């Protein structure tokens, strides 16, 4: 099973270019609004779905984390994971579709 992406794995050159390393995107901030009980269930669902994805496709789960939570572009996330850009695009498409299907079942 793949490990979640940790800031220590991120190449130092991206730190200066990307500002705060893991500032949440607007979409992620809205999804994880802690004031709503419904959002608590959503967070658990997303977390569980990402864990399932990580057991099936560790790179896909890491790509989702980098793109959605850290706000990296596909090319940047692929480079951080050592993937060619085309492979990163295919991995992103599969992981996003798989995660969408999984979340439809649970949310």
C-alpha atoms as a PDB file:
ATOM      1  CA  UNK A   1       0.000   0.000   0.000  1.00  0.00           C
ATOM      2  CA  UNK A   2       1.314   3.447  -0.874  1.00  0.00           C
ATOM      3  CA  UNK A   3       2.116   5.969   1.759  1.00  0.00           C
ATOM      4  CA  UNK A   4       0.387   9.357   1.683  1.00  0.00           C
ATOM      5  CA  UNK A   5       2.388  12.173   0.196  1.00  0.00           C
ATOM      6  CA  UNK A   6       4.268  13.914   2.971  1.00  0.00           C
ATOM      7  CA  UNK A   7       5.771  17.398   2.664  1.00  0.00           C
ATOM      8  CA  UNK A   8       9.260  15.971   3.212  1.00  0.00           C
ATOM      9  CA  UNK A   9       8.958  14.146  -0.134  1.00  0.00           C
ATOM     10  CA  UNK A  10       8.307  17.316  -2.067  1.00  0.00           C
ATOM     11  CA  UNK A  11      11.256  18.630  -3.997  1.00  0.00           C
ATOM     12  CA  UNK A  12      12.570  21.819  -2.413  1.00  0.00           C
ATOM     13  CA  UNK A  13      12.438  23.758  -5.676  1.00  0.00           C
ATOM     14  CA  UNK A  14       8.625  23.657  -5.590  1.00  0.00           C
ATOM     15  CA  UNK A  15       8.509  25.200  -2.130  1.00  0.00           C
ATOM     16  CA  UNK A  16       9.600  28.616  -3.292  1.00  0.00           C
ATOM     17  CA  UNK A  17       7.486  28.543  -6.445  1.00  0.00           C
ATOM     18  CA  UNK A  18       4.280  27.309  -4.851  1.00  0.00           C
ATOM     19  CA  UNK A  19       4.050  29.639  -1.842  1.00  0.00           C
ATOM     20  CA  UNK A  20       2.653  27.848   1.170  1.00  0.00           C
ATOM     21  CA  UNK A  21       3.317  24.204   0.551  1.00  0.00           C
ATOM     22  CA  UNK A  22      -0.059  22.765   1.465  1.00  0.00           C
ATOM     23  CA  UNK A  23      -2.563  25.593   1.448  1.00  0.00           C
ATOM     24  CA  UNK A  24      -5.961  24.159   0.598  1.00  0.00           C
ATOM     25  CA  UNK A  25      -7.679  25.086  -2.627  1.00  0.00           C
ATOM     26  CA  UNK A  26     -11.046  26.842  -2.396  1.00  0.00           C
ATOM     27  CA  UNK A  27     -12.875  23.623  -3.338  1.00  0.00           C
ATOM     28  CA  UNK A  28     -11.079  21.621  -0.652  1.00  0.00           C
ATOM     29  CA  UNK A  29     -11.734  24.318   1.953  1.00  0.00           C
ATOM     30  CA  UNK A  30     -15.458  24.281   1.188  1.00  0.00           C
ATOM     31  CA  UNK A  31     -15.582  20.486   1.261  1.00  0.00           C
ATOM     32  CA  UNK A  32     -13.885  20.401   4.639  1.00  0.00           C
ATOM     33  CA  UNK A  33     -15.891  23.107   6.415  1.00  0.00           C
ATOM     34  CA  UNK A  34     -15.714  21.759   9.968  1.00  0.00           C
ATOM     35  CA  UNK A  35     -18.812  23.631  11.152  1.00  0.00           C
ATOM     36  CA  UNK A  36     -21.205  21.281   9.341  1.00  0.00           C
ATOM     37  CA  UNK A  37     -22.102  17.795  10.656  1.00  0.00           C
ATOM     38  CA  UNK A  38     -22.779  16.746   7.064  1.00  0.00           C
ATOM     39  CA  UNK A  39     -19.244  17.738   6.171  1.00  0.00           C
ATOM     40  CA  UNK A  40     -17.896  15.486   8.920  1.00  0.00           C
ATOM     41  CA  UNK A  41     -19.530  12.507   7.180  1.00  0.00           C
ATOM     42  CA  UNK A  42     -18.180  13.740   3.854  1.00  0.00           C
ATOM     43  CA  UNK A  43     -14.646  13.994   5.226  1.00  0.00           C
ATOM     44  CA  UNK A  44     -14.820  10.451   6.543  1.00  0.00           C
ATOM     45  CA  UNK A  45     -16.157   9.239   3.194  1.00  0.00           C
ATOM     46  CA  UNK A  46     -13.388  10.967   1.254  1.00  0.00           C
ATOM     47  CA  UNK A  47     -10.742   9.694   3.654  1.00  0.00           C
ATOM     48  CA  UNK A  48     -12.024   6.110   3.443  1.00  0.00           C
ATOM     49  CA  UNK A  49     -12.284   6.278  -0.346  1.00  0.00           C
ATOM     50  CA  UNK A  50      -8.705   7.603  -0.608  1.00  0.00           C
ATOM     51  CA  UNK A  51      -7.494   4.753   1.607  1.00  0.00           C
ATOM     52  CA  UNK A  52      -9.233   2.222  -0.646  1.00  0.00           C
ATOM     53  CA  UNK A  53      -7.756   3.882  -3.720  1.00  0.00           C
ATOM     54  CA  UNK A  54      -4.289   3.824  -2.123  1.00  0.00           C
ATOM     55  CA  UNK A  55      -4.568   0.064  -1.640  1.00  0.00           C
ATOM     56  CA  UNK A  56      -5.484  -0.371  -5.345  1.00  0.00           C
ATOM     57  CA  UNK A  57      -3.451   2.412  -6.941  1.00  0.00           C
ATOM     58  CA  UNK A  58      -0.925   4.133  -4.628  1.00  0.00           C
ATOM     59  CA  UNK A  59       0.273   6.566  -7.295  1.00  0.00           C
ATOM     60  CA  UNK A  60      -3.297   7.507  -8.159  1.00  0.00           C
ATOM     61  CA  UNK A  61      -4.056   8.276  -4.522  1.00  0.00           C
ATOM     62  CA  UNK A  62      -0.898  10.371  -4.218  1.00  0.00           C
ATOM     63  CA  UNK A  63      -1.781  12.226  -7.413  1.00  0.00           C
ATOM     64  CA  UNK A  64      -5.266  12.995  -6.044  1.00  0.00           C
ATOM     65  CA  UNK A  65      -3.734  14.300  -2.810  1.00  0.00           C
ATOM     66  CA  UNK A  66      -1.262  16.527  -4.618  1.00  0.00           C
ATOM     67  CA  UNK A  67      -3.786  17.889  -7.123  1.00  0.00           C
ATOM     68  CA  UNK A  68      -6.820  18.328  -4.892  1.00  0.00           C
ATOM     69  CA  UNK A  69      -5.367  19.106  -1.475  1.00  0.00           C
ATOM     70  CA  UNK A  70      -2.086  20.791  -2.375  1.00  0.00           C
ATOM     71  CA  UNK A  71      -3.245  22.497  -5.572  1.00  0.00           C
ATOM     72  CA  UNK A  72      -0.467  21.251  -7.845  1.00  0.00           C
ATOM     73  CA  UNK A  73      -1.060  21.004 -11.585  1.00  0.00           C
ATOM     74  CA  UNK A  74      -1.021  17.579 -13.178  1.00  0.00           C
ATOM     75  CA  UNK A  75       2.434  18.194 -14.656  1.00  0.00           C
ATOM     76  CA  UNK A  76       3.837  19.354 -11.289  1.00  0.00           C
ATOM     77  CA  UNK A  77       2.287  16.450  -9.365  1.00  0.00           C
ATOM     78  CA  UNK A  78       3.530  13.981 -11.976  1.00  0.00           C
ATOM     79  CA  UNK A  79       7.043  15.403 -11.760  1.00  0.00           C
ATOM     80  CA  UNK A  80       7.001  15.131  -7.960  1.00  0.00           C
ATOM     81  CA  UNK A  81       5.994  11.483  -8.256  1.00  0.00           C
ATOM     82  CA  UNK A  82       8.515  10.801 -11.016  1.00  0.00           C
ATOM     83  CA  UNK A  83       5.841  10.147 -13.653  1.00  0.00           C
ATOM     84  CA  UNK A  84       5.978  11.239 -17.282  1.00  0.00           C
ATOM     85  CA  UNK A  85       3.269  13.801 -18.023  1.00  0.00           C
ATOM     86  CA  UNK A  86       1.191  11.421 -20.174  1.00  0.00           C
ATOM     87  CA  UNK A  87       1.302   8.737 -17.481  1.00  0.00           C
ATOM     88  CA  UNK A  88       0.255  11.321 -14.897  1.00  0.00           C
ATOM     89  CA  UNK A  89      -2.723  12.275 -17.114  1.00  0.00           C
ATOM     90  CA  UNK A  90      -3.825   8.643 -17.463  1.00  0.00           C
ATOM     91  CA  UNK A  91      -3.321   7.980 -13.768  1.00  0.00           C
ATOM     92  CA  UNK A  92      -5.287  11.141 -12.876  1.00  0.00           C
ATOM     93  CA  UNK A  93      -8.169  10.173 -15.173  1.00  0.00           C
ATOM     94  CA  UNK A  94      -8.396   6.673 -13.697  1.00  0.00           C
ATOM     95  CA  UNK A  95      -8.015   7.774 -10.062  1.00  0.00           C
ATOM     96  CA  UNK A  96     -10.530  10.602 -10.426  1.00  0.00           C
ATOM     97  CA  UNK A  97     -13.121   8.314 -12.058  1.00  0.00           C
ATOM     98  CA  UNK A  98     -12.555   5.564  -9.479  1.00  0.00           C
ATOM     99  CA  UNK A  99     -12.842   8.031  -6.592  1.00  0.00           C
ATOM    100  CA  UNK A 100     -16.007   9.557  -8.067  1.00  0.00           C
ATOM    101  CA  UNK A 101     -17.644   6.123  -8.366  1.00  0.00           C
ATOM    102  CA  UNK A 102     -16.606   5.206  -4.836  1.00  0.00           C
ATOM    103  CA  UNK A 103     -17.930   8.462  -3.367  1.00  0.00           C
ATOM    104  CA  UNK A 104     -21.263   8.034  -5.182  1.00  0.00           C
ATOM    105  CA  UNK A 105     -21.741   4.804  -3.232  1.00  0.00           C
ATOM    106  CA  UNK A 106     -20.959   6.268   0.181  1.00  0.00           C
ATOM    107  CA  UNK A 107     -22.136   9.899   0.172  1.00  0.00           C
END
